[in-house]
Amino acid sequence: MKKSKKATKKMEKRPVLVTTSHRGVFFGYLEDEKKAPKEVKLSSLRNCIRWHQEIEGFVGLSTYGPSEKCKIGAINTVGVSTVYDVTLIAPVSKEAEKKWTE
């Protein structure tokens, strides 16, 4: 039996921006969303502590990425983090992903 290309293709992690009911704004790679909106698991998690008005809110963070005027936390490289009480999971553009991972 032949395996489909879909089954053999390595699954790429999806870069997302997640917001929470506690006003948290996080960038990361979606590892597990089975329990959303109660919780999601992200790798390479970063927290947006403050964004500048030029970014146009969290949608701008997912579209354009953070600017030098934003305050962004360090990248969590030690494993997968669980984010609770999710209110939004937004896809992140390639442009924004590059800025989040610089």
N, C-alpha and C. Protein backbone atom coordinates (compact mmCIF):
# COMPACT_ATOMS: atom_id res chain seq x y z
N MET A 1 0.84 -1.18 0.00
CA MET A 1 0.00 0.00 0.00
C MET A 1 0.88 1.24 0.00
N LYS A 2 0.62 2.16 -0.91
CA LYS A 2 1.39 3.38 -1.03
C LYS A 2 0.95 4.40 -0.01
N LYS A 3 1.93 5.10 0.54
CA LYS A 3 1.61 6.21 1.44
C LYS A 3 1.36 7.45 0.60
N SER A 4 0.40 8.23 1.00
CA SER A 4 0.14 9.47 0.28
C SER A 4 1.23 10.49 0.58
N LYS A 5 1.37 11.45 -0.32
CA LYS A 5 2.35 12.51 -0.10
C LYS A 5 2.05 13.25 1.19
N LYS A 6 0.78 13.40 1.49
CA LYS A 6 0.36 14.09 2.70
C LYS A 6 0.87 13.39 3.95
N ALA A 7 0.82 12.06 3.95
CA ALA A 7 1.23 11.28 5.11
C ALA A 7 2.75 11.27 5.27
N THR A 8 3.48 11.33 4.16
CA THR A 8 4.93 11.26 4.25
C THR A 8 5.58 12.63 4.41
N LYS A 9 4.87 13.68 4.03
CA LYS A 9 5.42 15.02 4.16
C LYS A 9 5.54 15.39 5.64
N LYS A 10 6.71 15.91 5.99
CA LYS A 10 6.93 16.33 7.38
C LYS A 10 5.98 17.47 7.72
N MET A 11 5.32 17.34 8.86
CA MET A 11 4.37 18.35 9.29
C MET A 11 5.13 19.59 9.77
N GLU A 12 4.83 20.74 9.16
CA GLU A 12 5.45 21.98 9.58
C GLU A 12 4.65 22.60 10.71
N LYS A 13 5.36 23.18 11.65
CA LYS A 13 4.69 23.87 12.75
C LYS A 13 4.17 25.20 12.23
N ARG A 14 2.97 25.53 12.66
CA ARG A 14 2.29 26.73 12.18
C ARG A 14 2.56 27.90 13.13
N PRO A 15 3.14 29.02 12.62
CA PRO A 15 3.35 30.19 13.48
C PRO A 15 2.02 30.89 13.71
N VAL A 16 1.74 31.19 14.98
CA VAL A 16 0.46 31.82 15.34
C VAL A 16 0.67 32.90 16.39
N LEU A 17 -0.32 33.78 16.47
CA LEU A 17 -0.42 34.76 17.54
C LEU A 17 -1.64 34.35 18.35
N VAL A 18 -1.48 34.26 19.66
CA VAL A 18 -2.56 33.82 20.54
C VAL A 18 -2.84 34.93 21.55
N THR A 19 -4.11 35.25 21.73
CA THR A 19 -4.50 36.17 22.79
C THR A 19 -5.32 35.41 23.82
N THR A 20 -5.34 35.95 25.04
CA THR A 20 -6.06 35.29 26.12
C THR A 20 -7.04 36.24 26.79
N SER A 21 -7.94 35.68 27.57
CA SER A 21 -8.90 36.50 28.32
C SER A 21 -8.21 37.29 29.43
N HIS A 22 -6.95 37.00 29.68
CA HIS A 22 -6.17 37.71 30.70
C HIS A 22 -5.31 38.81 30.08
N ARG A 23 -5.61 39.16 28.84
CA ARG A 23 -4.92 40.19 28.07
C ARG A 23 -3.51 39.79 27.65
N GLY A 24 -3.22 38.50 27.67
CA GLY A 24 -1.93 38.03 27.19
C GLY A 24 -1.91 37.98 25.67
N VAL A 25 -0.75 38.32 25.10
CA VAL A 25 -0.53 38.24 23.65
C VAL A 25 0.77 37.49 23.44
N PHE A 26 0.69 36.34 22.75
CA PHE A 26 1.83 35.45 22.59
C PHE A 26 2.04 35.07 21.14
N PHE A 27 3.31 34.98 20.74
CA PHE A 27 3.69 34.40 19.46
C PHE A 27 4.28 33.03 19.76
N GLY A 28 4.09 32.08 18.88
CA GLY A 28 4.73 30.79 19.00
C GLY A 28 4.30 29.88 17.87
N TYR A 29 4.80 28.64 17.92
CA TYR A 29 4.46 27.63 16.92
C TYR A 29 3.48 26.66 17.55
N LEU A 30 2.34 26.53 16.91
CA LEU A 30 1.24 25.73 17.45
C LEU A 30 1.61 24.25 17.47
N GLU A 31 1.63 23.68 18.66
CA GLU A 31 1.95 22.27 18.85
C GLU A 31 0.68 21.43 19.04
N ASP A 32 -0.30 22.01 19.74
CA ASP A 32 -1.52 21.27 20.05
C ASP A 32 -2.65 22.25 20.35
N GLU A 33 -3.75 22.09 19.64
CA GLU A 33 -4.92 22.95 19.88
C GLU A 33 -6.17 22.12 20.16
N LYS A 34 -5.99 20.86 20.53
CA LYS A 34 -7.13 19.97 20.78
C LYS A 34 -8.04 20.48 21.89
N LYS A 35 -7.48 21.16 22.88
CA LYS A 35 -8.27 21.62 24.02
C LYS A 35 -8.65 23.10 23.91
N ALA A 36 -8.44 23.70 22.74
CA ALA A 36 -8.81 25.11 22.56
C ALA A 36 -10.33 25.25 22.64
N PRO A 37 -10.83 26.31 23.20
CA PRO A 37 -10.13 27.52 23.65
C PRO A 37 -9.64 27.47 25.10
N LYS A 38 -9.84 26.35 25.78
CA LYS A 38 -9.38 26.27 27.18
C LYS A 38 -7.86 26.41 27.26
N GLU A 39 -7.16 25.74 26.35
CA GLU A 39 -5.70 25.83 26.34
C GLU A 39 -5.14 25.43 24.99
N VAL A 40 -3.95 25.96 24.67
CA VAL A 40 -3.18 25.54 23.51
C VAL A 40 -1.73 25.39 23.94
N LYS A 41 -0.99 24.62 23.19
CA LYS A 41 0.43 24.42 23.48
C LYS A 41 1.24 25.05 22.35
N LEU A 42 2.25 25.85 22.75
CA LEU A 42 3.11 26.56 21.80
C LEU A 42 4.57 26.28 22.09
N SER A 43 5.36 26.15 21.04
CA SER A 43 6.81 26.09 21.20
C SER A 43 7.39 27.43 20.77
N SER A 44 8.61 27.71 21.19
CA SER A 44 9.30 28.98 20.90
C SER A 44 8.43 30.18 21.26
N LEU A 45 7.80 30.10 22.39
CA LEU A 45 6.87 31.12 22.88
C LEU A 45 7.57 32.45 23.14
N ARG A 46 6.90 33.55 22.74
CA ARG A 46 7.33 34.91 23.07
C ARG A 46 6.10 35.68 23.51
N ASN A 47 6.28 36.55 24.47
CA ASN A 47 5.20 37.38 24.99
C ASN A 47 5.36 38.79 24.48
N CYS A 48 4.27 39.37 24.00
CA CYS A 48 4.28 40.79 23.66
C CYS A 48 3.89 41.54 24.92
N ILE A 49 4.84 42.21 25.51
CA ILE A 49 4.60 42.94 26.75
C ILE A 49 3.89 44.26 26.46
N ARG A 50 4.31 44.90 25.37
CA ARG A 50 3.69 46.17 24.97
C ARG A 50 3.94 46.37 23.47
N TRP A 51 2.89 46.79 22.76
CA TRP A 51 3.09 47.14 21.36
C TRP A 51 2.85 48.62 21.17
N HIS A 52 3.49 49.17 20.15
CA HIS A 52 3.36 50.59 19.83
C HIS A 52 2.12 50.78 18.96
N GLN A 53 1.51 51.95 19.03
CA GLN A 53 0.27 52.21 18.29
C GLN A 53 0.45 52.06 16.78
N GLU A 54 1.68 52.24 16.26
CA GLU A 54 1.91 52.11 14.82
C GLU A 54 1.65 50.68 14.34
N ILE A 55 1.68 49.71 15.23
CA ILE A 55 1.47 48.31 14.88
C ILE A 55 -0.01 48.01 14.60
N GLU A 56 -0.89 48.82 15.14
CA GLU A 56 -2.33 48.68 14.95
C GLU A 56 -2.89 47.44 15.66
N GLY A 57 -2.43 47.21 16.88
CA GLY A 57 -2.99 46.15 17.71
C GLY A 57 -2.45 44.76 17.41
N PHE A 58 -3.12 43.76 17.99
CA PHE A 58 -2.62 42.40 17.85
C PHE A 58 -2.77 41.85 16.44
N VAL A 59 -3.72 42.39 15.67
CA VAL A 59 -3.82 41.95 14.27
C VAL A 59 -2.60 42.44 13.49
N GLY A 60 -2.13 43.63 13.79
CA GLY A 60 -0.91 44.14 13.18
C GLY A 60 0.30 43.31 13.57
N LEU A 61 0.31 42.82 14.81
CA LEU A 61 1.42 41.96 15.25
C LEU A 61 1.46 40.66 14.46
N SER A 62 0.31 40.15 14.06
CA SER A 62 0.29 38.91 13.28
C SER A 62 0.54 39.17 11.80
N THR A 63 0.26 40.38 11.35
CA THR A 63 0.44 40.73 9.93
C THR A 63 1.83 41.27 9.64
N TYR A 64 2.27 42.24 10.44
CA TYR A 64 3.54 42.92 10.20
C TYR A 64 4.65 42.51 11.15
N GLY A 65 4.29 42.00 12.32
CA GLY A 65 5.28 41.66 13.34
C GLY A 65 5.59 42.87 14.21
N PRO A 66 6.30 42.66 15.29
CA PRO A 66 6.63 43.76 16.20
C PRO A 66 7.67 44.70 15.59
N SER A 67 7.60 45.97 15.98
CA SER A 67 8.60 46.94 15.55
C SER A 67 9.59 47.15 16.68
N GLU A 68 10.59 47.98 16.43
CA GLU A 68 11.58 48.28 17.46
C GLU A 68 10.97 49.03 18.64
N LYS A 69 9.79 49.63 18.44
CA LYS A 69 9.13 50.38 19.50
C LYS A 69 8.27 49.48 20.40
N CYS A 70 8.16 48.21 20.07
CA CYS A 70 7.41 47.26 20.89
C CYS A 70 8.33 46.64 21.94
N LYS A 71 7.75 46.18 23.01
CA LYS A 71 8.53 45.47 24.04
C LYS A 71 8.12 43.99 23.98
N ILE A 72 9.09 43.14 23.60
CA ILE A 72 8.84 41.71 23.39
C ILE A 72 9.74 40.92 24.32
N GLY A 73 9.17 39.91 24.98
CA GLY A 73 9.94 39.06 25.88
C GLY A 73 10.86 38.11 25.14
N ALA A 74 11.71 37.45 25.89
CA ALA A 74 12.67 36.49 25.33
C ALA A 74 11.95 35.26 24.77
N ILE A 75 12.64 34.54 23.90
CA ILE A 75 12.10 33.30 23.34
C ILE A 75 12.30 32.18 24.36
N ASN A 76 11.22 31.45 24.65
CA ASN A 76 11.31 30.29 25.52
C ASN A 76 11.78 29.11 24.68
N THR A 77 13.02 28.70 24.88
CA THR A 77 13.60 27.61 24.08
C THR A 77 13.67 26.29 24.83
N VAL A 78 13.12 26.23 26.03
CA VAL A 78 13.27 25.02 26.84
C VAL A 78 12.16 23.99 26.65
N GLY A 79 11.20 24.25 25.81
CA GLY A 79 10.15 23.25 25.60
C GLY A 79 8.85 23.87 25.15
N VAL A 80 7.79 23.13 25.37
CA VAL A 80 6.45 23.54 24.95
C VAL A 80 5.74 24.21 26.13
N SER A 81 5.13 25.35 25.87
CA SER A 81 4.40 26.09 26.90
C SER A 81 2.90 25.94 26.67
N THR A 82 2.14 25.97 27.76
CA THR A 82 0.69 25.90 27.68
C THR A 82 0.12 27.28 27.97
N VAL A 83 -0.71 27.76 27.06
CA VAL A 83 -1.37 29.06 27.21
C VAL A 83 -2.85 28.77 27.47
N TYR A 84 -3.39 29.37 28.53
CA TYR A 84 -4.76 29.10 28.96
C TYR A 84 -5.72 30.23 28.58
N ASP A 85 -7.00 29.89 28.50
CA ASP A 85 -8.10 30.84 28.28
C ASP A 85 -7.92 31.64 26.99
N VAL A 86 -7.79 30.91 25.90
CA VAL A 86 -7.52 31.49 24.59
C VAL A 86 -8.76 32.20 24.03
N THR A 87 -8.55 33.40 23.51
CA THR A 87 -9.64 34.15 22.86
C THR A 87 -9.42 34.28 21.36
N LEU A 88 -8.18 34.09 20.88
CA LEU A 88 -7.88 34.20 19.46
C LEU A 88 -6.65 33.39 19.12
N ILE A 89 -6.71 32.69 18.00
CA ILE A 89 -5.52 32.07 17.40
C ILE A 89 -5.48 32.62 15.97
N ALA A 90 -4.50 33.47 15.69
CA ALA A 90 -4.39 34.10 14.37
C ALA A 90 -3.15 33.61 13.64
N PRO A 91 -3.26 33.35 12.35
CA PRO A 91 -2.07 32.98 11.58
C PRO A 91 -1.11 34.16 11.52
N VAL A 92 0.17 33.86 11.39
CA VAL A 92 1.22 34.88 11.33
C VAL A 92 1.84 34.86 9.94
N SER A 93 1.96 36.03 9.33
CA SER A 93 2.56 36.13 7.99
C SER A 93 4.05 35.79 8.06
N LYS A 94 4.63 35.48 6.91
CA LYS A 94 6.07 35.19 6.85
C LYS A 94 6.88 36.41 7.30
N GLU A 95 6.43 37.60 6.89
CA GLU A 95 7.09 38.85 7.29
C GLU A 95 7.09 39.00 8.82
N ALA A 96 5.92 38.78 9.42
CA ALA A 96 5.80 38.90 10.88
C ALA A 96 6.60 37.82 11.59
N GLU A 97 6.56 36.60 11.08
CA GLU A 97 7.31 35.50 11.70
C GLU A 97 8.80 35.85 11.77
N LYS A 98 9.33 36.40 10.71
CA LYS A 98 10.74 36.78 10.69
C LYS A 98 11.07 37.78 11.80
N LYS A 99 10.20 38.77 11.98
CA LYS A 99 10.43 39.78 13.03
C LYS A 99 10.30 39.18 14.43
N TRP A 100 9.35 38.26 14.60
CA TRP A 100 9.18 37.63 15.91
C TRP A 100 10.38 36.75 16.28
N THR A 101 11.07 36.20 15.30
CA THR A 101 12.14 35.26 15.59
C THR A 101 13.54 35.86 15.48
N GLU A 102 13.62 37.16 15.23
CA GLU A 102 14.94 37.83 15.14
C GLU A 102 15.60 37.91 16.49
